[in-house]
Amino acid sequence: MFFLLRCVFWLGLTFAMMEWPEGASPTAEPAALAQNAADAAAKEIATRCAADPQACLEGARKIEALRNAVTR
């Protein structure tokens, strides 16, 4: 799950920085595309959590531990 979020972030950053023949960006609304990707990731996470709630809770505990370690 965390791997997918990192992939979306780095690919989005890479494509945002690329030069395109039509101009700065091939789309008019990169923010809308990013929001759509985040929504799709949230739906995927919700689907996986519904299928295996115990694994989802374990993942949430790990993320919380990481967040607490970083904010200290």
N, C-alpha and C. Protein backbone atom coordinates (compact mmCIF):
# COMPACT_ATOMS: atom_id res chain seq x y z
N MET A 1 0.83 -1.18 0.00
CA MET A 1 0.00 0.00 0.00
C MET A 1 0.88 1.25 0.00
N PHE A 2 1.86 1.30 0.88
CA PHE A 2 2.75 2.45 0.95
C PHE A 2 3.57 2.56 -0.33
N PHE A 3 3.92 1.40 -0.91
CA PHE A 3 4.67 1.39 -2.16
C PHE A 3 3.87 2.06 -3.26
N LEU A 4 2.57 1.79 -3.32
CA LEU A 4 1.73 2.41 -4.36
C LEU A 4 1.67 3.92 -4.20
N LEU A 5 1.56 4.38 -2.98
CA LEU A 5 1.52 5.83 -2.75
C LEU A 5 2.83 6.48 -3.15
N ARG A 6 3.95 5.83 -2.84
CA ARG A 6 5.25 6.39 -3.25
C ARG A 6 5.37 6.41 -4.77
N CYS A 7 4.90 5.36 -5.43
CA CYS A 7 4.96 5.32 -6.90
C CYS A 7 4.14 6.45 -7.51
N VAL A 8 2.94 6.66 -7.01
CA VAL A 8 2.09 7.73 -7.52
C VAL A 8 2.77 9.07 -7.33
N PHE A 9 3.36 9.30 -6.17
CA PHE A 9 4.04 10.57 -5.90
C PHE A 9 5.19 10.80 -6.87
N TRP A 10 6.10 9.81 -6.99
CA TRP A 10 7.29 10.02 -7.81
C TRP A 10 6.96 10.06 -9.29
N LEU A 11 6.01 9.26 -9.75
CA LEU A 11 5.63 9.34 -11.16
C LEU A 11 4.95 10.67 -11.46
N GLY A 12 4.12 11.14 -10.55
CA GLY A 12 3.49 12.45 -10.74
C GLY A 12 4.51 13.56 -10.79
N LEU A 13 5.49 13.50 -9.93
CA LEU A 13 6.55 14.51 -9.93
C LEU A 13 7.36 14.44 -11.22
N THR A 14 7.67 13.23 -11.67
CA THR A 14 8.44 13.07 -12.90
C THR A 14 7.68 13.62 -14.09
N PHE A 15 6.41 13.28 -14.23
CA PHE A 15 5.64 13.75 -15.37
C PHE A 15 5.39 15.25 -15.30
N ALA A 16 5.30 15.79 -14.11
CA ALA A 16 5.10 17.24 -13.98
C ALA A 16 6.34 18.01 -14.42
N MET A 17 7.52 17.42 -14.25
CA MET A 17 8.76 18.11 -14.58
C MET A 17 9.22 17.88 -16.03
N MET A 18 8.58 16.95 -16.74
CA MET A 18 8.99 16.66 -18.12
C MET A 18 8.60 17.79 -19.06
N GLU A 19 9.38 17.96 -20.11
CA GLU A 19 9.02 18.91 -21.15
C GLU A 19 8.12 18.19 -22.16
N TRP A 20 7.05 18.84 -22.55
CA TRP A 20 6.09 18.26 -23.47
C TRP A 20 6.07 19.08 -24.75
N PRO A 21 5.83 18.45 -25.89
CA PRO A 21 5.83 19.18 -27.16
C PRO A 21 4.76 20.27 -27.23
N GLU A 22 3.63 20.08 -26.56
CA GLU A 22 2.54 21.05 -26.62
C GLU A 22 2.73 22.22 -25.65
N GLY A 23 3.68 22.13 -24.77
CA GLY A 23 3.87 23.18 -23.78
C GLY A 23 4.31 22.59 -22.46
N ALA A 24 4.01 23.30 -21.40
CA ALA A 24 4.48 22.90 -20.07
C ALA A 24 3.86 21.59 -19.61
N SER A 25 2.62 21.35 -19.95
CA SER A 25 1.93 20.16 -19.48
C SER A 25 0.89 19.74 -20.52
N PRO A 26 0.72 18.44 -20.76
CA PRO A 26 -0.26 18.03 -21.76
C PRO A 26 -1.71 18.19 -21.31
N THR A 27 -1.93 18.42 -20.03
CA THR A 27 -3.29 18.60 -19.53
C THR A 27 -3.44 19.99 -18.93
N ALA A 28 -4.65 20.46 -18.94
CA ALA A 28 -4.91 21.79 -18.39
C ALA A 28 -5.00 21.77 -16.87
N GLU A 29 -5.37 20.64 -16.30
CA GLU A 29 -5.61 20.56 -14.86
C GLU A 29 -4.82 19.44 -14.18
N PRO A 30 -3.52 19.64 -13.93
CA PRO A 30 -2.77 18.59 -13.24
C PRO A 30 -3.28 18.34 -11.82
N ALA A 31 -3.80 19.37 -11.17
CA ALA A 31 -4.33 19.18 -9.82
C ALA A 31 -5.53 18.25 -9.83
N ALA A 32 -6.36 18.34 -10.87
CA ALA A 32 -7.52 17.45 -10.97
C ALA A 32 -7.08 16.02 -11.19
N LEU A 33 -6.03 15.83 -12.00
CA LEU A 33 -5.51 14.48 -12.21
C LEU A 33 -4.93 13.91 -10.92
N ALA A 34 -4.25 14.73 -10.16
CA ALA A 34 -3.69 14.27 -8.88
C ALA A 34 -4.82 13.89 -7.92
N GLN A 35 -5.88 14.68 -7.91
CA GLN A 35 -7.02 14.37 -7.04
C GLN A 35 -7.68 13.07 -7.46
N ASN A 36 -7.81 12.85 -8.76
CA ASN A 36 -8.40 11.60 -9.26
C ASN A 36 -7.53 10.40 -8.86
N ALA A 37 -6.20 10.55 -8.94
CA ALA A 37 -5.30 9.47 -8.54
C ALA A 37 -5.42 9.19 -7.05
N ALA A 38 -5.52 10.24 -6.25
CA ALA A 38 -5.66 10.06 -4.80
C ALA A 38 -7.00 9.38 -4.47
N ASP A 39 -8.06 9.76 -5.17
CA ASP A 39 -9.36 9.13 -4.96
C ASP A 39 -9.32 7.64 -5.33
N ALA A 40 -8.66 7.33 -6.45
CA ALA A 40 -8.55 5.93 -6.87
C ALA A 40 -7.75 5.12 -5.85
N ALA A 41 -6.67 5.72 -5.32
CA ALA A 41 -5.88 5.03 -4.30
C ALA A 41 -6.70 4.80 -3.03
N ALA A 42 -7.49 5.79 -2.65
CA ALA A 42 -8.33 5.65 -1.45
C ALA A 42 -9.36 4.54 -1.63
N LYS A 43 -9.95 4.45 -2.83
CA LYS A 43 -10.92 3.38 -3.10
C LYS A 43 -10.26 2.02 -3.05
N GLU A 44 -9.04 1.92 -3.59
CA GLU A 44 -8.31 0.66 -3.57
C GLU A 44 -7.99 0.24 -2.14
N ILE A 45 -7.57 1.18 -1.34
CA ILE A 45 -7.26 0.89 0.06
C ILE A 45 -8.52 0.45 0.80
N ALA A 46 -9.64 1.14 0.56
CA ALA A 46 -10.90 0.77 1.21
C ALA A 46 -11.33 -0.64 0.81
N THR A 47 -11.15 -0.99 -0.46
CA THR A 47 -11.51 -2.33 -0.94
C THR A 47 -10.66 -3.39 -0.26
N ARG A 48 -9.37 -3.14 -0.18
CA ARG A 48 -8.48 -4.12 0.46
C ARG A 48 -8.75 -4.23 1.95
N CYS A 49 -9.08 -3.12 2.59
CA CYS A 49 -9.37 -3.16 4.02
C CYS A 49 -10.67 -3.90 4.30
N ALA A 50 -11.64 -3.78 3.40
CA ALA A 50 -12.89 -4.51 3.57
C ALA A 50 -12.67 -6.01 3.41
N ALA A 51 -11.73 -6.38 2.54
CA ALA A 51 -11.45 -7.79 2.32
C ALA A 51 -10.67 -8.42 3.47
N ASP A 52 -9.75 -7.66 4.06
CA ASP A 52 -8.92 -8.20 5.14
C ASP A 52 -8.71 -7.12 6.21
N PRO A 53 -9.69 -6.93 7.11
CA PRO A 53 -9.60 -5.87 8.11
C PRO A 53 -8.41 -5.99 9.06
N GLN A 54 -8.02 -7.21 9.38
CA GLN A 54 -6.91 -7.40 10.32
C GLN A 54 -5.60 -6.86 9.73
N ALA A 55 -5.36 -7.14 8.46
CA ALA A 55 -4.15 -6.64 7.80
C ALA A 55 -4.20 -5.12 7.69
N CYS A 56 -5.37 -4.58 7.49
CA CYS A 56 -5.53 -3.13 7.40
C CYS A 56 -5.21 -2.47 8.75
N LEU A 57 -5.67 -3.06 9.82
CA LEU A 57 -5.38 -2.52 11.16
C LEU A 57 -3.89 -2.59 11.46
N GLU A 58 -3.25 -3.68 11.07
CA GLU A 58 -1.81 -3.82 11.29
C GLU A 58 -1.05 -2.75 10.49
N GLY A 59 -1.46 -2.52 9.25
CA GLY A 59 -0.84 -1.48 8.44
C GLY A 59 -1.04 -0.09 9.04
N ALA A 60 -2.22 0.15 9.57
CA ALA A 60 -2.51 1.45 10.21
C ALA A 60 -1.63 1.64 11.45
N ARG A 61 -1.41 0.57 12.21
CA ARG A 61 -0.52 0.67 13.38
C ARG A 61 0.91 1.02 12.96
N LYS A 62 1.38 0.39 11.88
CA LYS A 62 2.73 0.67 11.40
C LYS A 62 2.86 2.11 10.91
N ILE A 63 1.86 2.59 10.20
CA ILE A 63 1.89 3.97 9.71
C ILE A 63 1.87 4.94 10.88
N GLU A 64 1.06 4.66 11.88
CA GLU A 64 1.00 5.53 13.06
C GLU A 64 2.33 5.55 13.80
N ALA A 65 2.98 4.39 13.90
CA ALA A 65 4.29 4.33 14.56
C ALA A 65 5.31 5.14 13.77
N LEU A 66 5.29 5.06 12.45
CA LEU A 66 6.19 5.84 11.62
C LEU A 66 5.93 7.33 11.78
N ARG A 67 4.66 7.70 11.79
CA ARG A 67 4.30 9.12 11.94
C ARG A 67 4.77 9.65 13.28
N ASN A 68 4.59 8.87 14.33
CA ASN A 68 5.04 9.30 15.66
C ASN A 68 6.56 9.40 15.74
N ALA A 69 7.25 8.50 15.06
CA ALA A 69 8.71 8.55 15.06
C ALA A 69 9.23 9.78 14.32
N VAL A 70 8.56 10.17 13.27
CA VAL A 70 9.00 11.31 12.46
C VAL A 70 8.68 12.63 13.16
N THR A 71 7.57 12.72 13.86
CA THR A 71 7.16 13.98 14.48
C THR A 71 7.90 14.26 15.80
N ARG A 72 8.65 13.33 16.30
CA ARG A 72 9.37 13.57 17.57
C ARG A 72 10.59 14.37 17.37
